[in-house]
Amino acid sequence: MKKQDLNMDIFDNADEETIDVLAKKYIKLSDEEAKRIFHRSRQKYLNNTIKSNKSEENELIIEVKSYKSRVLKRIFAAAATLMVTAIVVTCGYNVIKYKTDLADTSFSSNVAEENKEDPKAPFGDLYNDDIRITSAAYVPYVIKVNDEERHKIADAMNQSVWKIKPDDFFGPNGEYSIVYVYNEGNPYRLEFYDLDNTIVYKSQDVTVMYEGDETAMKCISEFLKSDYAPENLVWYEFEKLTDEGIWDNKFTVPDDELKMFETAKVPEELQGKEIRGYYAEVDYACDNSDIDFITGYSDAIITGYVKNIEFSTYDETFGYNQKSPVTVITVETSEGEIDLIMYGGYISMRDHLGDMLGMTGGKFGEGSQLTDEEIDNIYYYHAPFPYAGRSDEENRLLPVCGEYYAFFVKEDEGKFYITCDLCGILHQNGDDFVQMVSEGEYRHFSLADLIRRTNENNYS
């Protein structure tokens, strides 16, 4: 630092008596001693400060201010000592000023004192972030966190005390739970170790270990003890359980900008009938929404406009004279019309149950107590891919007539069957094709990428 760059206006208004006291009280330091004190103070500060993962060049910019005065010669010894103090105080202020920066508890406590009504965790507020959680008991499944649960977690993190582990802490041990966070394109994770009460923040090349605050630890522990429906569990290949991979191709689109599906219309002949929802039991050993799984079991991709949708049934082969519903989607392609078959749709109770309607004894007891008129008035809608949190009626989703889609299909005896139901139907949006993974969650792919995956993957 050059002497002419010093800005010590702070002493301009100092009275002569104060300057004399300061000049006599502090001993003048040699240049070597002053540099040594400055270096040790700055090094200690940097060792306890974490580089910010939010700044443009991913490092904390420390702004150091110094001061000068026209009375520099009379108070050089005092200024040399006060400069060291000013550096530490000013650096601390600049870290606090960026509320999303990671800081130790001295900075966190200062923030809390200044803003008690709006505390924040050192890595930011999770209130509006996407969150997914897993543990050893769930892997390779990950739990999707809804809005209410996310707000509870955010409050717990904000109310916790975040104290960085000492430098000699060897590292956490035992099993741990993972909280994946997606913050406006910046993915990171929090690892919760119950055995030695540790919380680890990880983001790219930044790792910070904190003492496990009881509020934060208890919140995640109780969350994982809850029961979750299969629809709230997302299956992943192990190699995709990373901070970035877990959000692969994920994005959201406002409902008014992207309408992939619409509620299936009740056919005219079924108007006035009682329609019941029916969800097939899904084998969660595989993920029907995984694009590589879909392409691996598909023979081709058919693109075109949906022209018509009808409902039909086919005979089951395992007895009881039962039938199953299918939806026939007529698609207008560049080479003409083609019918694609998707499992699911409307079916009468008689066709649905077949001979089991008249069975008695054992698990059937005295058989059906419904009258023939009641039986003929009941129909089911088999939802091909039900989404969590939606009503029966809302789960009756089908492609929109007139819209352009890419369909993954498998050929069998000259007929084309849609692979993985609605997950195998991607809606065109600009240059991409969009897959609806769950309610409000989408993945997007280029047509060239879909064709490449279909050619490369072959599980059948």
Protein backbone atom coordinates (compact mmCIF):
# COMPACT_ATOMS: atom_id res chain seq x y z
CA MET A 1 0.00 0.00 0.00
CA LYS A 2 1.38 3.40 -0.99
CA LYS A 3 1.56 6.19 1.51
CA GLN A 4 -0.20 8.61 -0.85
CA ASP A 5 -3.14 6.18 -1.06
CA LEU A 6 -3.83 6.42 2.67
CA ASN A 7 -7.12 8.09 3.49
CA MET A 8 -7.20 9.03 7.15
CA ASP A 9 -9.91 11.67 7.18
CA ILE A 10 -11.16 10.06 10.38
CA PHE A 11 -8.58 12.09 12.30
CA ASP A 12 -9.37 15.43 10.67
CA ASN A 13 -11.80 16.39 13.42
CA ALA A 14 -9.71 15.06 16.31
CA ASP A 15 -8.83 17.65 18.96
CA GLU A 16 -5.19 18.30 19.87
CA GLU A 17 -5.51 16.80 23.38
CA THR A 18 -6.84 13.50 22.02
CA ILE A 19 -4.05 13.30 19.48
CA ASP A 20 -1.42 13.94 22.16
CA VAL A 21 -2.87 11.17 24.36
CA LEU A 22 -2.89 8.67 21.50
CA ALA A 23 0.63 9.59 20.45
CA LYS A 24 2.01 9.05 23.97
CA LYS A 25 -0.02 5.90 24.79
CA TYR A 26 0.96 3.74 21.81
CA ILE A 27 4.57 2.84 21.16
CA LYS A 28 5.81 3.31 17.65
CA LEU A 29 6.35 0.00 15.84
CA SER A 30 9.19 -0.79 13.52
CA ASP A 31 8.28 -1.47 9.90
CA GLU A 32 9.07 -5.18 10.39
CA GLU A 33 6.88 -5.46 13.51
CA ALA A 34 4.00 -3.60 11.87
CA LYS A 35 4.10 -5.91 8.84
CA ARG A 36 4.25 -9.00 11.08
CA ILE A 37 1.19 -7.92 13.12
CA PHE A 38 -0.74 -7.00 10.01
CA HIS A 39 0.09 -10.33 8.33
CA ARG A 40 -0.89 -12.44 11.39
CA SER A 41 -4.15 -10.55 11.90
CA ARG A 42 -5.14 -10.84 8.26
CA GLN A 43 -4.16 -14.54 8.12
CA LYS A 44 -6.23 -15.34 11.23
CA TYR A 45 -9.24 -13.64 9.70
CA LEU A 46 -8.92 -15.45 6.39
CA ASN A 47 -8.55 -18.81 8.13
CA ASN A 48 -11.92 -18.29 9.81
CA THR A 49 -13.73 -16.96 6.80
CA ILE A 50 -15.22 -19.15 4.08
CA LYS A 51 -15.06 -18.19 0.46
CA SER A 52 -18.44 -17.15 -0.81
CA ASN A 53 -20.06 -19.47 -3.35
CA LYS A 54 -22.34 -16.72 -4.55
CA SER A 55 -19.84 -14.07 -5.79
CA GLU A 56 -19.10 -13.73 -9.46
CA GLU A 57 -15.64 -15.34 -9.26
CA ASN A 58 -16.62 -17.67 -6.40
CA GLU A 59 -14.39 -15.99 -3.86
CA LEU A 60 -14.95 -13.52 -1.07
CA ILE A 61 -13.79 -10.02 -1.94
CA ILE A 62 -12.39 -8.37 1.14
CA GLU A 63 -12.35 -4.62 1.06
CA VAL A 64 -9.71 -3.02 3.32
CA LYS A 65 -9.93 0.64 4.19
CA SER A 66 -7.13 2.74 5.68
CA TYR A 67 -7.05 6.29 6.78
CA LYS A 68 -4.72 9.26 6.62
CA SER A 69 -4.56 12.68 8.19
CA ARG A 70 -2.67 15.87 7.90
CA VAL A 71 -1.35 15.13 11.37
CA LEU A 72 0.13 11.77 10.30
CA LYS A 73 3.62 12.50 11.62
CA ARG A 74 2.40 13.19 15.18
CA ILE A 75 0.29 10.06 15.52
CA PHE A 76 2.05 7.47 13.37
CA ALA A 77 2.29 4.96 16.22
CA ALA A 78 -1.43 5.22 17.03
CA ALA A 79 -2.44 4.97 13.39
CA ALA A 80 -0.34 1.83 12.84
CA THR A 81 -2.17 0.06 15.65
CA LEU A 82 -5.63 1.36 14.75
CA MET A 83 -5.14 0.33 11.11
CA VAL A 84 -4.93 -3.34 12.09
CA THR A 85 -8.14 -3.01 14.08
CA ALA A 86 -9.89 -1.20 11.21
CA ILE A 87 -8.99 -4.00 8.79
CA VAL A 88 -10.63 -6.70 10.89
CA VAL A 89 -13.73 -4.62 11.68
CA THR A 90 -14.20 -3.49 8.09
CA CYS A 91 -13.79 -7.02 6.72
CA GLY A 92 -16.35 -8.27 9.19
CA TYR A 93 -18.79 -5.60 8.08
CA ASN A 94 -18.42 -6.52 4.42
CA VAL A 95 -19.08 -10.20 5.12
CA ILE A 96 -22.23 -9.39 7.09
CA LYS A 97 -23.37 -7.11 4.28
CA TYR A 98 -23.69 -10.14 1.95
CA LYS A 99 -26.31 -12.17 3.83
CA THR A 100 -25.91 -15.24 1.64
CA ASP A 101 -22.18 -15.60 2.37
CA LEU A 102 -21.05 -18.42 4.65
CA ALA A 103 -19.64 -17.00 7.89
CA ASP A 104 -18.67 -18.24 11.32
CA THR A 105 -20.79 -17.72 14.41
CA SER A 106 -19.32 -14.33 15.24
CA PHE A 107 -20.79 -12.94 12.02
CA SER A 108 -24.01 -14.99 12.40
CA SER A 109 -24.59 -13.63 15.90
CA ASN A 110 -24.05 -10.08 14.67
CA VAL A 111 -26.64 -10.59 11.93
CA ALA A 112 -29.10 -11.99 14.45
CA GLU A 113 -28.63 -8.98 16.73
CA GLU A 114 -29.25 -6.57 13.88
CA ASN A 115 -32.17 -8.49 12.38
CA LYS A 116 -33.80 -10.66 15.05
CA GLU A 117 -37.13 -10.86 13.21
CA ASP A 118 -35.66 -12.22 9.98
CA PRO A 119 -32.87 -14.71 10.77
CA LYS A 120 -31.14 -16.59 7.96
CA ALA A 121 -29.03 -19.71 7.77
CA PRO A 122 -25.46 -18.97 6.57
CA PHE A 123 -26.14 -20.69 3.23
CA GLY A 124 -29.35 -18.70 2.64
CA ASP A 125 -33.07 -19.06 3.23
CA LEU A 126 -34.59 -22.33 1.95
CA TYR A 127 -38.14 -20.98 1.98
CA ASN A 128 -38.47 -20.75 -1.82
CA ASP A 129 -35.86 -23.36 -2.82
CA ASP A 130 -36.57 -26.84 -4.18
CA ILE A 131 -35.69 -29.53 -1.64
CA ARG A 132 -35.33 -33.31 -1.80
CA ILE A 133 -34.23 -35.54 1.06
CA THR A 134 -32.89 -39.07 1.37
CA SER A 135 -31.04 -41.33 3.80
CA ALA A 136 -29.57 -44.83 3.91
CA ALA A 137 -33.03 -46.24 4.57
CA TYR A 138 -34.46 -44.71 1.36
CA VAL A 139 -31.63 -44.86 -1.20
CA PRO A 140 -31.98 -45.08 -4.21
CA TYR A 141 -35.29 -43.28 -3.57
CA VAL A 142 -35.43 -39.59 -2.77
CA ILE A 143 -38.36 -37.88 -1.07
CA LYS A 144 -39.95 -34.88 -2.78
CA VAL A 145 -40.61 -32.13 -0.24
CA ASN A 146 -43.88 -30.23 -0.57
CA ASP A 147 -44.38 -26.52 0.16
CA GLU A 148 -45.58 -26.95 3.75
CA GLU A 149 -42.70 -29.28 4.66
CA ARG A 150 -40.17 -27.02 2.94
CA HIS A 151 -41.34 -24.00 4.94
CA LYS A 152 -40.96 -25.96 8.20
CA ILE A 153 -37.44 -26.99 7.23
CA ALA A 154 -36.54 -23.41 6.23
CA ASP A 155 -37.78 -22.08 9.57
CA ALA A 156 -35.78 -24.69 11.47
CA MET A 157 -32.57 -23.89 9.56
CA ASN A 158 -33.04 -20.14 10.07
CA GLN A 159 -33.67 -20.53 13.80
CA SER A 160 -30.63 -22.74 14.37
CA VAL A 161 -27.21 -21.66 15.59
CA TRP A 162 -24.48 -22.36 13.03
CA LYS A 163 -21.12 -22.82 14.72
CA ILE A 164 -18.22 -23.97 12.57
CA LYS A 165 -16.32 -27.01 13.81
CA PRO A 166 -12.80 -26.35 15.13
CA ASP A 167 -9.85 -26.73 12.77
CA ASP A 168 -8.68 -29.91 14.47
CA PHE A 169 -12.02 -31.69 13.91
CA PHE A 170 -11.10 -34.87 12.02
CA GLY A 171 -14.41 -35.31 10.19
CA PRO A 172 -17.91 -36.75 10.63
CA ASN A 173 -18.60 -40.46 11.09
CA GLY A 174 -21.49 -42.86 10.59
CA GLU A 175 -24.57 -42.83 8.40
CA TYR A 176 -26.02 -39.52 7.36
CA SER A 177 -29.10 -38.00 5.77
CA ILE A 178 -28.84 -35.72 2.75
CA VAL A 179 -30.88 -32.59 2.06
CA TYR A 180 -30.51 -31.63 -1.62
CA VAL A 181 -31.21 -27.95 -2.32
CA TYR A 182 -31.78 -26.26 -5.68
CA ASN A 183 -31.35 -22.50 -5.27
CA GLU A 184 -32.07 -20.67 -8.54
CA GLY A 185 -29.65 -22.80 -10.52
CA ASN A 186 -27.18 -23.26 -7.66
CA PRO A 187 -27.43 -26.84 -6.33
CA TYR A 188 -25.85 -27.81 -3.02
CA ARG A 189 -26.39 -30.29 -0.21
CA LEU A 190 -26.52 -30.51 3.59
CA GLU A 191 -25.39 -33.75 5.24
CA PHE A 192 -26.76 -34.52 8.73
CA TYR A 193 -24.66 -36.88 10.89
CA ASP A 194 -26.50 -38.00 14.02
CA LEU A 195 -23.61 -40.01 15.49
CA ASP A 196 -21.29 -37.08 16.14
CA ASN A 197 -23.84 -34.29 15.80
CA THR A 198 -22.45 -32.69 12.65
CA ILE A 199 -23.97 -30.84 9.69
CA VAL A 200 -21.83 -30.55 6.56
CA TYR A 201 -22.48 -27.99 3.82
CA LYS A 202 -21.17 -28.96 0.36
CA SER A 203 -21.28 -26.89 -2.81
CA GLN A 204 -18.90 -27.60 -5.68
CA ASP A 205 -15.43 -27.26 -4.08
CA VAL A 206 -16.66 -25.62 -0.85
CA THR A 207 -17.14 -27.76 2.28
CA VAL A 208 -18.06 -26.39 5.71
CA MET A 209 -18.63 -28.47 8.86
CA TYR A 210 -20.95 -27.14 11.56
CA GLU A 211 -21.90 -28.25 15.05
CA GLY A 212 -25.31 -29.91 14.73
CA ASP A 213 -27.83 -27.53 16.26
CA GLU A 214 -30.67 -29.40 18.00
CA THR A 215 -33.39 -27.54 16.08
CA ALA A 216 -31.98 -28.41 12.66
CA MET A 217 -31.07 -32.00 13.54
CA LYS A 218 -34.47 -32.75 15.07
CA CYS A 219 -36.33 -31.26 12.10
CA ILE A 220 -34.68 -33.55 9.54
CA SER A 221 -34.86 -36.59 11.83
CA GLU A 222 -38.61 -36.17 12.35
CA PHE A 223 -39.15 -35.58 8.63
CA LEU A 224 -37.55 -38.92 7.75
CA LYS A 225 -39.64 -40.74 10.37
CA SER A 226 -42.87 -39.79 8.57
CA ASP A 227 -44.70 -42.16 6.23
CA TYR A 228 -44.61 -41.23 2.55
CA ALA A 229 -46.80 -42.49 -0.27
CA PRO A 230 -44.97 -44.12 -3.21
CA GLU A 231 -45.95 -41.14 -5.37
CA ASN A 232 -43.69 -38.90 -3.22
CA LEU A 233 -40.65 -41.11 -3.79
CA VAL A 234 -38.43 -40.51 -6.81
CA TRP A 235 -36.17 -43.35 -7.96
CA TYR A 236 -32.61 -42.56 -9.15
CA GLU A 237 -29.72 -44.49 -10.55
CA PHE A 238 -26.87 -44.34 -8.04
CA GLU A 239 -24.62 -42.33 -10.35
CA LYS A 240 -27.28 -39.61 -10.53
CA LEU A 241 -27.44 -39.10 -6.76
CA THR A 242 -25.22 -36.02 -6.96
CA ASP A 243 -25.85 -32.35 -6.26
CA GLU A 244 -26.29 -31.68 -9.99
CA GLY A 245 -27.55 -35.06 -11.21
CA ILE A 246 -30.56 -35.09 -8.94
CA TRP A 247 -31.91 -32.01 -10.73
CA ASP A 248 -30.92 -33.21 -14.23
CA ASN A 249 -33.00 -31.58 -16.97
CA LYS A 250 -35.39 -30.23 -14.36
CA PHE A 251 -37.31 -27.01 -14.92
CA THR A 252 -40.75 -25.57 -14.29
CA VAL A 253 -43.09 -23.81 -16.68
CA PRO A 254 -46.12 -21.70 -15.69
CA ASP A 255 -49.40 -23.50 -16.41
CA ASP A 256 -50.54 -20.79 -18.81
CA GLU A 257 -47.41 -21.25 -20.95
CA LEU A 258 -47.37 -25.02 -21.21
CA LYS A 259 -50.45 -27.24 -21.29
CA MET A 260 -49.17 -30.73 -21.94
CA PHE A 261 -52.27 -32.67 -20.92
CA GLU A 262 -55.92 -32.07 -20.21
CA THR A 263 -58.57 -33.93 -18.22
CA ALA A 264 -60.12 -36.77 -20.18
CA LYS A 265 -63.66 -35.99 -21.31
CA VAL A 266 -66.43 -38.33 -20.21
CA PRO A 267 -67.88 -40.01 -23.33
CA GLU A 268 -71.44 -39.08 -24.15
CA GLU A 269 -72.71 -42.63 -23.46
CA LEU A 270 -71.26 -42.45 -19.93
CA GLN A 271 -72.81 -39.12 -18.98
CA GLY A 272 -74.66 -39.51 -15.67
CA LYS A 273 -72.80 -42.69 -14.71
CA GLU A 274 -70.83 -43.05 -11.46
CA ILE A 275 -67.14 -42.79 -12.36
CA ARG A 276 -64.65 -44.20 -9.88
CA GLY A 277 -60.88 -43.73 -9.95
CA TYR A 278 -58.70 -46.79 -10.21
CA TYR A 279 -54.92 -46.80 -9.94
CA ALA A 280 -52.90 -49.79 -11.03
CA GLU A 281 -50.28 -51.09 -8.63
CA VAL A 282 -46.94 -49.78 -9.86
CA ASP A 283 -43.72 -51.72 -9.49
CA TYR A 284 -41.37 -49.15 -7.94
CA ALA A 285 -38.30 -51.27 -8.63
CA CYS A 286 -37.89 -49.10 -11.72
CA ASP A 287 -38.50 -45.47 -12.53
CA ASN A 288 -41.04 -45.11 -15.34
CA SER A 289 -40.10 -41.46 -15.79
CA ASP A 290 -36.39 -42.12 -16.40
CA ILE A 291 -35.73 -41.23 -20.03
CA ASP A 292 -33.06 -43.91 -20.45
CA PHE A 293 -35.44 -46.55 -19.08
CA ILE A 294 -38.13 -45.41 -21.54
CA THR A 295 -35.83 -45.29 -24.57
CA GLY A 296 -34.32 -48.65 -23.63
CA TYR A 297 -37.69 -50.39 -23.94
CA SER A 298 -38.88 -48.48 -27.01
CA ASP A 299 -38.53 -49.49 -30.65
CA ALA A 300 -39.12 -46.06 -32.16
CA ILE A 301 -40.21 -42.45 -31.69
CA ILE A 302 -43.32 -41.25 -33.53
CA THR A 303 -43.92 -37.49 -33.81
CA GLY A 304 -47.10 -35.78 -34.92
CA TYR A 305 -50.32 -33.99 -34.03
CA VAL A 306 -52.99 -35.66 -31.89
CA LYS A 307 -56.08 -35.92 -34.06
CA ASN A 308 -58.52 -38.08 -32.04
CA ILE A 309 -58.83 -40.02 -28.76
CA GLU A 310 -61.16 -43.00 -28.15
CA PHE A 311 -61.62 -45.56 -25.37
CA SER A 312 -61.76 -49.33 -25.80
CA THR A 313 -61.10 -52.61 -23.94
CA TYR A 314 -59.27 -55.86 -24.58
CA ASP A 315 -59.66 -59.32 -23.07
CA GLU A 316 -57.30 -60.36 -20.31
CA THR A 317 -55.59 -63.74 -20.67
CA PHE A 318 -55.50 -64.84 -17.03
CA GLY A 319 -59.15 -65.89 -16.68
CA TYR A 320 -62.30 -64.65 -14.93
CA ASN A 321 -63.45 -63.15 -18.27
CA GLN A 322 -62.03 -59.80 -17.19
CA LYS A 323 -61.17 -56.98 -19.55
CA SER A 324 -58.78 -54.06 -19.33
CA PRO A 325 -59.25 -50.52 -20.65
CA VAL A 326 -57.09 -48.94 -23.34
CA THR A 327 -56.97 -45.46 -24.83
CA VAL A 328 -56.47 -45.25 -28.60
CA ILE A 329 -54.72 -42.03 -29.69
CA THR A 330 -54.84 -41.24 -33.42
CA VAL A 331 -51.75 -39.26 -34.50
CA GLU A 332 -51.31 -37.33 -37.75
CA THR A 333 -47.72 -37.88 -38.90
CA SER A 334 -45.84 -36.76 -42.01
CA GLU A 335 -46.59 -40.20 -43.51
CA GLY A 336 -50.27 -40.36 -42.57
CA GLU A 337 -52.40 -41.35 -39.58
CA ILE A 338 -51.43 -44.00 -37.08
CA ASP A 339 -53.19 -45.37 -33.98
CA LEU A 340 -51.19 -45.58 -30.77
CA ILE A 341 -52.43 -47.65 -27.82
CA MET A 342 -52.00 -46.62 -24.18
CA TYR A 343 -53.18 -48.66 -21.21
CA GLY A 344 -55.87 -47.01 -19.11
CA GLY A 345 -59.20 -45.33 -19.69
CA TYR A 346 -62.91 -45.97 -18.99
CA ILE A 347 -64.29 -49.45 -18.28
CA SER A 348 -67.56 -50.77 -16.84
CA MET A 349 -67.66 -52.60 -13.52
CA ARG A 350 -68.87 -55.77 -15.31
CA ASP A 351 -65.90 -55.77 -17.66
CA HIS A 352 -63.51 -54.76 -14.90
CA LEU A 353 -64.44 -57.58 -12.48
CA GLY A 354 -65.75 -60.22 -14.91
CA ASP A 355 -66.75 -63.48 -13.27
CA MET A 356 -65.56 -62.27 -9.87
CA LEU A 357 -68.80 -60.31 -9.57
CA GLY A 358 -70.69 -63.55 -8.94
CA MET A 359 -68.14 -65.30 -6.76
CA THR A 360 -68.92 -66.20 -3.15
CA GLY A 361 -67.07 -67.79 -0.25
CA GLY A 362 -63.54 -67.16 1.00
CA LYS A 363 -62.41 -63.58 0.48
CA PHE A 364 -65.58 -62.89 -1.57
CA GLY A 365 -67.90 -63.68 1.35
CA GLU A 366 -71.52 -63.65 0.20
CA GLY A 367 -70.53 -61.98 -3.04
CA SER A 368 -71.62 -58.62 -4.44
CA GLN A 369 -74.58 -57.03 -2.70
CA LEU A 370 -75.13 -54.59 -5.57
CA THR A 371 -78.17 -54.86 -7.80
CA ASP A 372 -77.76 -55.29 -11.55
CA GLU A 373 -78.93 -51.71 -12.02
CA GLU A 374 -76.26 -50.42 -9.63
CA ILE A 375 -73.57 -52.53 -11.28
CA ASP A 376 -74.48 -51.24 -14.73
CA ASN A 377 -74.28 -47.65 -13.44
CA ILE A 378 -70.67 -47.93 -12.15
CA TYR A 379 -67.61 -47.31 -14.34
CA TYR A 380 -63.93 -47.01 -13.54
CA TYR A 381 -61.27 -44.77 -14.99
CA HIS A 382 -57.86 -46.44 -14.93
CA ALA A 383 -55.31 -43.62 -14.57
CA PRO A 384 -52.21 -44.61 -16.56
CA PHE A 385 -49.79 -42.51 -14.50
CA PRO A 386 -51.35 -40.92 -11.39
CA TYR A 387 -49.64 -37.86 -9.95
CA ALA A 388 -49.40 -37.27 -6.20
CA GLY A 389 -51.62 -34.60 -4.70
CA ARG A 390 -54.23 -34.69 -7.49
CA SER A 391 -57.85 -35.79 -7.21
CA ASP A 392 -59.27 -38.74 -9.16
CA GLU A 393 -60.71 -36.41 -11.77
CA GLU A 394 -57.49 -34.41 -12.10
CA ASN A 395 -55.54 -37.62 -12.67
CA ARG A 396 -57.58 -38.46 -15.79
CA LEU A 397 -54.95 -36.87 -18.01
CA LEU A 398 -54.61 -37.26 -21.78
CA PRO A 399 -52.77 -35.44 -24.60
CA VAL A 400 -54.49 -32.38 -26.05
CA CYS A 401 -56.02 -32.78 -29.51
CA GLY A 402 -54.29 -30.51 -32.01
CA GLU A 403 -50.99 -30.39 -30.08
CA TYR A 404 -47.68 -31.81 -31.33
CA TYR A 405 -45.99 -34.63 -29.39
CA ALA A 406 -43.22 -37.21 -29.52
CA PHE A 407 -44.41 -40.71 -28.57
CA PHE A 408 -42.10 -43.51 -27.48
CA VAL A 409 -43.60 -46.77 -28.78
CA LYS A 410 -43.01 -50.49 -28.87
CA GLU A 411 -44.32 -52.58 -31.77
CA ASP A 412 -46.10 -55.86 -31.17
CA GLU A 413 -47.83 -57.78 -33.98
CA GLY A 414 -48.26 -54.68 -36.11
CA LYS A 415 -49.67 -52.55 -33.26
CA PHE A 416 -47.86 -49.69 -31.53
CA TYR A 417 -48.05 -49.38 -27.74
CA ILE A 418 -46.93 -46.23 -25.90
CA THR A 419 -44.01 -46.95 -23.56
CA CYS A 420 -44.47 -45.97 -19.89
CA ASP A 421 -47.84 -44.28 -20.45
CA LEU A 422 -47.84 -40.49 -20.02
CA CYS A 423 -44.11 -40.43 -19.22
CA GLY A 424 -43.51 -41.69 -22.76
CA ILE A 425 -45.43 -38.78 -24.29
CA LEU A 426 -43.37 -35.58 -24.66
CA HIS A 427 -44.94 -32.27 -25.69
CA GLN A 428 -43.21 -29.98 -28.17
CA ASN A 429 -42.20 -26.63 -26.68
CA GLY A 430 -40.10 -24.51 -29.00
CA ASP A 431 -37.13 -26.57 -30.20
CA ASP A 432 -37.41 -29.04 -27.31
CA PHE A 433 -39.74 -31.81 -26.23
CA VAL A 434 -40.94 -31.64 -22.63
CA GLN A 435 -41.60 -34.59 -20.35
CA MET A 436 -43.91 -34.20 -17.35
CA VAL A 437 -42.26 -36.11 -14.50
CA SER A 438 -44.73 -35.14 -11.80
CA GLU A 439 -47.15 -32.34 -11.11
CA GLY A 440 -45.29 -29.09 -11.85
CA GLU A 441 -41.97 -30.81 -12.61
CA TYR A 442 -40.60 -31.26 -16.11
CA ARG A 443 -37.56 -32.37 -18.09
CA HIS A 444 -36.71 -31.18 -21.58
CA PHE A 445 -34.81 -32.85 -24.41
CA SER A 446 -33.93 -32.14 -28.01
CA LEU A 447 -35.37 -34.52 -30.61
CA ALA A 448 -31.83 -35.45 -31.68
CA ASP A 449 -31.01 -36.42 -28.09
CA LEU A 450 -34.13 -38.59 -27.85
CA ILE A 451 -33.31 -40.36 -31.11
CA ARG A 452 -29.71 -40.94 -29.99
CA ARG A 453 -30.84 -42.42 -26.66
CA THR A 454 -33.36 -44.70 -28.40
CA ASN A 455 -30.70 -46.02 -30.79
CA GLU A 456 -28.10 -46.52 -28.03
CA ASN A 457 -30.33 -48.04 -25.34
CA ASN A 458 -31.84 -51.45 -25.98
CA TYR A 459 -33.04 -53.42 -22.96
CA SER A 460 -35.68 -55.55 -24.68
